[in-house]
Amino acid sequence: MPFFLRSSLLPLPSFVRSNGEFESNETLKKAFSDILFKDPTNESKTNRRNKWNEREFIVKRSANRKESTLTAQGLDSLRTGAHYDILIFDDVITEKSVSSPEMVEKITQNFELSLSMSKQGGVKRFIGTRYSYGDTYQHMIDKKMATPRIYMATSDGTATGTPVLFTQEYWDTKVNENSTHTLNCQYFQNPLAGTEKTFHVEDLNFFVSRTTFHQGLFTW
């Protein structure tokens, strides 16, 4: 099962936490002794087939597969030849991923390529935050790759609504700390909501009308 991130250079908190649980949680190892090694770190040193590091690891299994049980994978460095039962995409889109149309296109292309790592009948899971209406997540929604499950921070999806995830006091602090755009992205999954609308000059195309051009030619 690959655990996808935007970049292979990013830290892996969730992945490392799973790795650590399998190493140090004695109760877990006793309950699943048929799957988990007693000492996975040393086991991997004595048996080359038992990979165990912060990027991938293998637990006990009967099948002889070339893929690791769990693999950390960046969209910027896709592996070839590997095919998994489950693909998990966790925050593959960030605010930096939507900084330009070219960046969005590149991330979307890399995402499409990563889907080839799935097996027939495989499962895909997508977890993330919306930062732009035209991002890769919108591409997933338009292609109906998954059923959107959007959980907003308030009952009506507005800053003045009743908070459902936090206390009222904590929510008031978040509303005060964040801009309208950040609030709508982080807590409502709706980058188009709010009154703040901005554009970048570099996204504009300038042109001279034909009438103005002709007038300039015949001006004495």
C-alpha atoms as a PDB file:
ATOM      1  CA  MET A   1       0.000   0.000   0.000  1.00  0.00           C
ATOM      2  CA  PRO A   2       1.617   3.313  -1.043  1.00  0.00           C
ATOM      3  CA  PHE A   3       1.110   6.403   1.094  1.00  0.00           C
ATOM      4  CA  PHE A   4       1.247   9.349  -1.343  1.00  0.00           C
ATOM      5  CA  LEU A   5       2.473  12.837  -0.464  1.00  0.00           C
ATOM      6  CA  ARG A   6       3.032  15.878  -2.676  1.00  0.00           C
ATOM      7  CA  SER A   7       6.812  15.491  -2.513  1.00  0.00           C
ATOM      8  CA  SER A   8       9.133  12.649  -1.580  1.00  0.00           C
ATOM      9  CA  LEU A   9      11.171  15.195   0.418  1.00  0.00           C
ATOM     10  CA  LEU A  10       8.387  15.950   2.903  1.00  0.00           C
ATOM     11  CA  PRO A  11       8.398  14.491   6.446  1.00  0.00           C
ATOM     12  CA  LEU A  12       6.195  11.477   7.092  1.00  0.00           C
ATOM     13  CA  PRO A  13       4.475  11.852  10.471  1.00  0.00           C
ATOM     14  CA  SER A  14       1.656   9.341   9.892  1.00  0.00           C
ATOM     15  CA  PHE A  15       3.933   6.839   8.188  1.00  0.00           C
ATOM     16  CA  VAL A  16       6.644   7.035  10.845  1.00  0.00           C
ATOM     17  CA  ARG A  17       4.008   6.675  13.566  1.00  0.00           C
ATOM     18  CA  SER A  18       2.775   3.397  12.013  1.00  0.00           C
ATOM     19  CA  ASN A  19       6.351   2.203  11.734  1.00  0.00           C
ATOM     20  CA  GLY A  20       7.029   3.034  15.386  1.00  0.00           C
ATOM     21  CA  GLU A  21       3.880   1.264  16.605  1.00  0.00           C
ATOM     22  CA  PHE A  22       4.935  -1.953  14.906  1.00  0.00           C
ATOM     23  CA  GLU A  23       8.376  -1.665  16.503  1.00  0.00           C
ATOM     24  CA  SER A  24       7.551  -0.786  20.116  1.00  0.00           C
ATOM     25  CA  ASN A  25       3.918  -1.691  20.831  1.00  0.00           C
ATOM     26  CA  GLU A  26       4.350  -5.067  22.570  1.00  0.00           C
ATOM     27  CA  THR A  27       0.601  -5.577  22.995  1.00  0.00           C
ATOM     28  CA  LEU A  28       0.072  -5.106  19.280  1.00  0.00           C
ATOM     29  CA  LYS A  29       2.905  -7.492  18.413  1.00  0.00           C
ATOM     30  CA  LYS A  30       1.508 -10.193  20.722  1.00  0.00           C
ATOM     31  CA  ALA A  31      -2.006  -9.797  19.349  1.00  0.00           C
ATOM     32  CA  PHE A  32      -0.775 -10.064  15.745  1.00  0.00           C
ATOM     33  CA  SER A  33       2.287 -12.276  16.115  1.00  0.00           C
ATOM     34  CA  ASP A  34       1.438 -13.947  12.795  1.00  0.00           C
ATOM     35  CA  ILE A  35       1.944 -10.591  11.038  1.00  0.00           C
ATOM     36  CA  LEU A  36       4.371  -8.493  13.082  1.00  0.00           C
ATOM     37  CA  PHE A  37       8.026  -9.282  13.760  1.00  0.00           C
ATOM     38  CA  LYS A  38       9.362  -9.347  17.314  1.00  0.00           C
ATOM     39  CA  ASP A  39      12.322  -7.195  16.354  1.00  0.00           C
ATOM     40  CA  PRO A  40      11.654  -5.798  12.864  1.00  0.00           C
ATOM     41  CA  THR A  41      14.775  -3.608  12.775  1.00  0.00           C
ATOM     42  CA  ASN A  42      17.184  -6.501  13.331  1.00  0.00           C
ATOM     43  CA  GLU A  43      15.076  -8.856  11.230  1.00  0.00           C
ATOM     44  CA  SER A  44      15.499  -6.528   8.261  1.00  0.00           C
ATOM     45  CA  LYS A  45      19.277  -6.565   8.741  1.00  0.00           C
ATOM     46  CA  THR A  46      19.500 -10.377   8.644  1.00  0.00           C
ATOM     47  CA  ASN A  47      17.008 -10.816   5.798  1.00  0.00           C
ATOM     48  CA  ARG A  48      17.299  -8.440   2.860  1.00  0.00           C
ATOM     49  CA  ARG A  49      13.756  -9.146   1.770  1.00  0.00           C
ATOM     50  CA  ASN A  50      12.375  -7.701   5.016  1.00  0.00           C
ATOM     51  CA  LYS A  51      12.651  -3.967   4.389  1.00  0.00           C
ATOM     52  CA  TRP A  52      12.163  -1.731   7.430  1.00  0.00           C
ATOM     53  CA  ASN A  53      12.845   1.990   7.302  1.00  0.00           C
ATOM     54  CA  GLU A  54      11.069   5.354   7.332  1.00  0.00           C
ATOM     55  CA  ARG A  55      10.072   5.049   3.664  1.00  0.00           C
ATOM     56  CA  GLU A  56       8.833   1.469   3.469  1.00  0.00           C
ATOM     57  CA  PHE A  57       8.451  -1.705   5.490  1.00  0.00           C
ATOM     58  CA  ILE A  58       7.340  -5.305   5.100  1.00  0.00           C
ATOM     59  CA  VAL A  59       5.463  -7.390   7.683  1.00  0.00           C
ATOM     60  CA  LYS A  60       5.126 -11.188   7.731  1.00  0.00           C
ATOM     61  CA  ARG A  61       3.157 -12.453   4.761  1.00  0.00           C
ATOM     62  CA  SER A  62       2.689 -15.628   2.759  1.00  0.00           C
ATOM     63  CA  ALA A  63       2.632 -14.025  -0.680  1.00  0.00           C
ATOM     64  CA  ASN A  64       5.907 -13.402  -2.472  1.00  0.00           C
ATOM     65  CA  ARG A  65       5.408  -9.860  -3.728  1.00  0.00           C
ATOM     66  CA  LYS A  66       7.948  -7.320  -4.915  1.00  0.00           C
ATOM     67  CA  GLU A  67       6.026  -4.429  -3.333  1.00  0.00           C
ATOM     68  CA  SER A  68       6.505  -3.526   0.333  1.00  0.00           C
ATOM     69  CA  THR A  69       3.522  -3.758   2.696  1.00  0.00           C
ATOM     70  CA  LEU A  70       3.497   0.016   3.158  1.00  0.00           C
ATOM     71  CA  THR A  71       5.456   2.503   1.054  1.00  0.00           C
ATOM     72  CA  ALA A  72       5.827   6.279   1.356  1.00  0.00           C
ATOM     73  CA  GLN A  73       5.674   7.811  -2.091  1.00  0.00           C
ATOM     74  CA  GLY A  74       5.916  11.348  -3.476  1.00  0.00           C
ATOM     75  CA  LEU A  75       4.049  12.391  -6.600  1.00  0.00           C
ATOM     76  CA  ASP A  76       7.308  13.904  -7.821  1.00  0.00           C
ATOM     77  CA  SER A  77       9.187  10.574  -7.844  1.00  0.00           C
ATOM     78  CA  LEU A  78       6.866   7.767  -8.879  1.00  0.00           C
ATOM     79  CA  ARG A  79       8.080   4.183  -8.882  1.00  0.00           C
ATOM     80  CA  THR A  80       7.712   1.955 -11.907  1.00  0.00           C
ATOM     81  CA  GLY A  81       6.584  -1.648 -11.966  1.00  0.00           C
ATOM     82  CA  ALA A  82       4.836  -1.600  -8.574  1.00  0.00           C
ATOM     83  CA  HIS A  83       1.098  -2.284  -8.224  1.00  0.00           C
ATOM     84  CA  TYR A  84      -0.795  -2.104  -4.931  1.00  0.00           C
ATOM     85  CA  ASP A  85      -4.139  -3.172  -3.484  1.00  0.00           C
ATOM     86  CA  ILE A  86      -4.707   0.180  -1.744  1.00  0.00           C
ATOM     87  CA  LEU A  87      -3.578   3.690  -2.693  1.00  0.00           C
ATOM     88  CA  ILE A  88      -3.795   6.488  -0.099  1.00  0.00           C
ATOM     89  CA  PHE A  89      -3.338  10.108  -1.193  1.00  0.00           C
ATOM     90  CA  ASP A  90      -2.816  12.337   1.855  1.00  0.00           C
ATOM     91  CA  ASP A  91      -2.507  16.120   1.314  1.00  0.00           C
ATOM     92  CA  VAL A  92      -0.984  15.742  -2.154  1.00  0.00           C
ATOM     93  CA  ILE A  93      -2.241  19.285  -2.870  1.00  0.00           C
ATOM     94  CA  THR A  94      -1.008  22.252  -0.825  1.00  0.00           C
ATOM     95  CA  GLU A  95      -1.222  26.030  -1.247  1.00  0.00           C
ATOM     96  CA  LYS A  96       2.057  25.853  -3.212  1.00  0.00           C
ATOM     97  CA  SER A  97       0.543  23.352  -5.635  1.00  0.00           C
ATOM     98  CA  VAL A  98      -1.998  25.882  -6.908  1.00  0.00           C
ATOM     99  CA  SER A  99       0.368  28.859  -7.297  1.00  0.00           C
ATOM    100  CA  SER A 100       0.027  28.799 -11.112  1.00  0.00           C
ATOM    101  CA  PRO A 101      -1.999  26.987 -13.817  1.00  0.00           C
ATOM    102  CA  GLU A 102       1.209  25.258 -14.925  1.00  0.00           C
ATOM    103  CA  MET A 103       1.816  23.903 -11.432  1.00  0.00           C
ATOM    104  CA  VAL A 104      -1.753  22.587 -11.166  1.00  0.00           C
ATOM    105  CA  GLU A 105      -1.410  20.891 -14.551  1.00  0.00           C
ATOM    106  CA  LYS A 106       1.889  19.271 -13.569  1.00  0.00           C
ATOM    107  CA  ILE A 107       0.539  17.956 -10.250  1.00  0.00           C
ATOM    108  CA  THR A 108      -2.593  16.642 -11.984  1.00  0.00           C
ATOM    109  CA  GLN A 109      -0.492  14.834 -14.597  1.00  0.00           C
ATOM    110  CA  ASN A 110       1.670  13.250 -11.886  1.00  0.00           C
ATOM    111  CA  PHE A 111      -1.476  12.223 -10.021  1.00  0.00           C
ATOM    112  CA  GLU A 112      -2.891  10.551 -13.133  1.00  0.00           C
ATOM    113  CA  LEU A 113       0.377   8.657 -13.626  1.00  0.00           C
ATOM    114  CA  SER A 114       0.292   7.453 -10.013  1.00  0.00           C
ATOM    115  CA  LEU A 115      -3.084   5.779 -10.613  1.00  0.00           C
ATOM    116  CA  SER A 116      -1.286   3.210 -12.779  1.00  0.00           C
ATOM    117  CA  MET A 117       0.180   1.820  -9.551  1.00  0.00           C
ATOM    118  CA  SER A 118      -3.244   0.477  -8.579  1.00  0.00           C
ATOM    119  CA  LYS A 119      -4.299  -3.119  -9.207  1.00  0.00           C
ATOM    120  CA  GLN A 120      -7.543  -4.121 -10.859  1.00  0.00           C
ATOM    121  CA  GLY A 121     -10.203  -3.975  -8.160  1.00  0.00           C
ATOM    122  CA  GLY A 122      -7.903  -1.899  -5.944  1.00  0.00           C
ATOM    123  CA  VAL A 123      -9.058   0.740  -3.472  1.00  0.00           C
ATOM    124  CA  LYS A 124      -8.171   4.454  -3.521  1.00  0.00           C
ATOM    125  CA  ARG A 125      -8.507   6.928  -0.655  1.00  0.00           C
ATOM    126  CA  PHE A 126      -8.110  10.715  -0.969  1.00  0.00           C
ATOM    127  CA  ILE A 127      -7.553  13.048   1.994  1.00  0.00           C
ATOM    128  CA  GLY A 128      -6.858  16.746   1.632  1.00  0.00           C
ATOM    129  CA  THR A 129      -7.680  20.440   1.764  1.00  0.00           C
ATOM    130  CA  ARG A 130      -8.997  22.601  -1.081  1.00  0.00           C
ATOM    131  CA  TYR A 131      -6.933  25.705  -1.903  1.00  0.00           C
ATOM    132  CA  SER A 132      -8.279  26.476  -5.362  1.00  0.00           C
ATOM    133  CA  TYR A 133     -11.468  25.669  -7.247  1.00  0.00           C
ATOM    134  CA  GLY A 134      -9.526  24.452 -10.282  1.00  0.00           C
ATOM    135  CA  ASP A 135      -7.098  22.199  -8.384  1.00  0.00           C
ATOM    136  CA  THR A 136      -6.364  18.486  -8.764  1.00  0.00           C
ATOM    137  CA  TYR A 137      -9.096  17.643  -6.258  1.00  0.00           C
ATOM    138  CA  GLN A 138     -11.609  19.289  -8.599  1.00  0.00           C
ATOM    139  CA  HIS A 139     -10.230  17.068 -11.361  1.00  0.00           C
ATOM    140  CA  MET A 140     -10.940  14.017  -9.155  1.00  0.00           C
ATOM    141  CA  ILE A 141     -14.473  15.243  -8.458  1.00  0.00           C
ATOM    142  CA  ASP A 142     -15.212  16.010 -12.118  1.00  0.00           C
ATOM    143  CA  LYS A 143     -13.974  12.549 -13.123  1.00  0.00           C
ATOM    144  CA  LYS A 144     -16.063  10.997 -10.309  1.00  0.00           C
ATOM    145  CA  MET A 145     -13.059   9.096  -9.006  1.00  0.00           C
ATOM    146  CA  ALA A 146     -14.474   9.147  -5.483  1.00  0.00           C
ATOM    147  CA  THR A 147     -17.499  10.267  -3.474  1.00  0.00           C
ATOM    148  CA  PRO A 148     -16.744  13.642  -1.830  1.00  0.00           C
ATOM    149  CA  ARG A 149     -17.204  13.611   1.940  1.00  0.00           C
ATOM    150  CA  ILE A 150     -16.860  17.211   3.070  1.00  0.00           C
ATOM    151  CA  TYR A 151     -16.938  17.952   6.795  1.00  0.00           C
ATOM    152  CA  MET A 152     -17.224  21.647   7.606  1.00  0.00           C
ATOM    153  CA  ALA A 153     -16.325  23.288  10.894  1.00  0.00           C
ATOM    154  CA  THR A 154     -19.767  24.848  11.454  1.00  0.00           C
ATOM    155  CA  SER A 155     -23.345  23.717  11.038  1.00  0.00           C
ATOM    156  CA  ASP A 156     -24.067  25.986   8.067  1.00  0.00           C
ATOM    157  CA  GLY A 157     -20.614  26.310   6.494  1.00  0.00           C
ATOM    158  CA  THR A 158     -20.117  29.938   7.487  1.00  0.00           C
ATOM    159  CA  ALA A 159     -17.873  31.672  10.007  1.00  0.00           C
ATOM    160  CA  THR A 160     -20.911  32.801  12.012  1.00  0.00           C
ATOM    161  CA  GLY A 161     -22.432  29.332  12.191  1.00  0.00           C
ATOM    162  CA  THR A 162     -22.463  27.035  15.213  1.00  0.00           C
ATOM    163  CA  PRO A 163     -19.136  25.158  15.474  1.00  0.00           C
ATOM    164  CA  VAL A 164     -19.453  21.371  15.297  1.00  0.00           C
ATOM    165  CA  LEU A 165     -15.785  20.425  15.682  1.00  0.00           C
ATOM    166  CA  PHE A 166     -14.627  22.951  18.303  1.00  0.00           C
ATOM    167  CA  THR A 167     -15.875  24.918  21.258  1.00  0.00           C
ATOM    168  CA  GLN A 168     -17.343  28.334  20.515  1.00  0.00           C
ATOM    169  CA  GLU A 169     -14.432  30.034  22.271  1.00  0.00           C
ATOM    170  CA  TYR A 170     -11.830  28.168  20.218  1.00  0.00           C
ATOM    171  CA  TRP A 171     -13.742  28.790  16.991  1.00  0.00           C
ATOM    172  CA  ASP A 172     -13.971  32.533  17.697  1.00  0.00           C
ATOM    173  CA  THR A 173     -10.178  32.535  18.045  1.00  0.00           C
ATOM    174  CA  LYS A 174      -9.749  30.792  14.675  1.00  0.00           C
ATOM    175  CA  VAL A 175     -12.094  33.240  12.952  1.00  0.00           C
ATOM    176  CA  ASN A 176     -10.118  36.144  14.390  1.00  0.00           C
ATOM    177  CA  GLU A 177      -6.716  34.660  13.473  1.00  0.00           C
ATOM    178  CA  ASN A 178      -7.405  33.727   9.857  1.00  0.00           C
ATOM    179  CA  SER A 179      -8.244  35.651   6.702  1.00  0.00           C
ATOM    180  CA  THR A 180     -11.542  34.865   5.011  1.00  0.00           C
ATOM    181  CA  HIS A 181      -9.772  32.890   2.276  1.00  0.00           C
ATOM    182  CA  THR A 182      -7.697  30.775   4.691  1.00  0.00           C
ATOM    183  CA  LEU A 183     -10.729  30.123   6.866  1.00  0.00           C
ATOM    184  CA  ASN A 184     -12.800  28.914   3.928  1.00  0.00           C
ATOM    185  CA  CYS A 185     -10.016  26.681   2.624  1.00  0.00           C
ATOM    186  CA  GLN A 186      -8.981  25.141   5.931  1.00  0.00           C
ATOM    187  CA  TYR A 187     -12.333  24.806   7.656  1.00  0.00           C
ATOM    188  CA  PHE A 188     -15.007  24.758   4.934  1.00  0.00           C
ATOM    189  CA  GLN A 189     -13.246  23.142   1.944  1.00  0.00           C
ATOM    190  CA  ASN A 190     -14.577  25.998  -0.171  1.00  0.00           C
ATOM    191  CA  PRO A 191     -11.856  28.250  -1.647  1.00  0.00           C
ATOM    192  CA  LEU A 192     -14.447  30.327  -3.537  1.00  0.00           C
ATOM    193  CA  ALA A 193     -16.406  31.376  -0.450  1.00  0.00           C
ATOM    194  CA  GLY A 194     -15.977  34.771   1.174  1.00  0.00           C
ATOM    195  CA  THR A 195     -15.424  38.261  -0.136  1.00  0.00           C
ATOM    196  CA  GLU A 196     -11.682  38.168  -0.810  1.00  0.00           C
ATOM    197  CA  LYS A 197     -11.101  37.732  -4.542  1.00  0.00           C
ATOM    198  CA  THR A 198      -7.602  38.259  -5.904  1.00  0.00           C
ATOM    199  CA  PHE A 199      -5.714  37.673  -9.142  1.00  0.00           C
ATOM    200  CA  HIS A 200      -2.087  37.829 -10.215  1.00  0.00           C
ATOM    201  CA  VAL A 201      -0.850  40.205 -12.904  1.00  0.00           C
ATOM    202  CA  GLU A 202       1.195  37.411 -14.479  1.00  0.00           C
ATOM    203  CA  ASP A 203      -2.054  35.533 -15.180  1.00  0.00           C
ATOM    204  CA  LEU A 204      -3.297  38.359 -17.448  1.00  0.00           C
ATOM    205  CA  ASN A 205      -2.859  38.438 -21.226  1.00  0.00           C
ATOM    206  CA  PHE A 206      -2.379  41.893 -22.766  1.00  0.00           C
ATOM    207  CA  PHE A 207      -3.292  42.738 -26.374  1.00  0.00           C
ATOM    208  CA  VAL A 208      -3.751  45.718 -28.673  1.00  0.00           C
ATOM    209  CA  SER A 209      -7.063  46.020 -30.472  1.00  0.00           C
ATOM    210  CA  ARG A 210      -6.966  46.096 -34.292  1.00  0.00           C
ATOM    211  CA  THR A 211      -8.716  49.513 -34.360  1.00  0.00           C
ATOM    212  CA  THR A 212      -6.133  51.104 -32.071  1.00  0.00           C
ATOM    213  CA  PHE A 213      -3.282  49.545 -34.066  1.00  0.00           C
ATOM    214  CA  HIS A 214      -4.588  50.933 -37.379  1.00  0.00           C
ATOM    215  CA  GLN A 215      -5.143  54.360 -35.893  1.00  0.00           C
ATOM    216  CA  GLY A 216      -1.526  54.378 -34.759  1.00  0.00           C
ATOM    217  CA  LEU A 217      -0.282  53.554 -38.255  1.00  0.00           C
ATOM    218  CA  PHE A 218      -2.005  56.517 -39.855  1.00  0.00           C
ATOM    219  CA  THR A 219      -1.354  59.127 -37.177  1.00  0.00           C
ATOM    220  CA  TRP A 220       0.760  62.016 -38.467  1.00  0.00           C
END
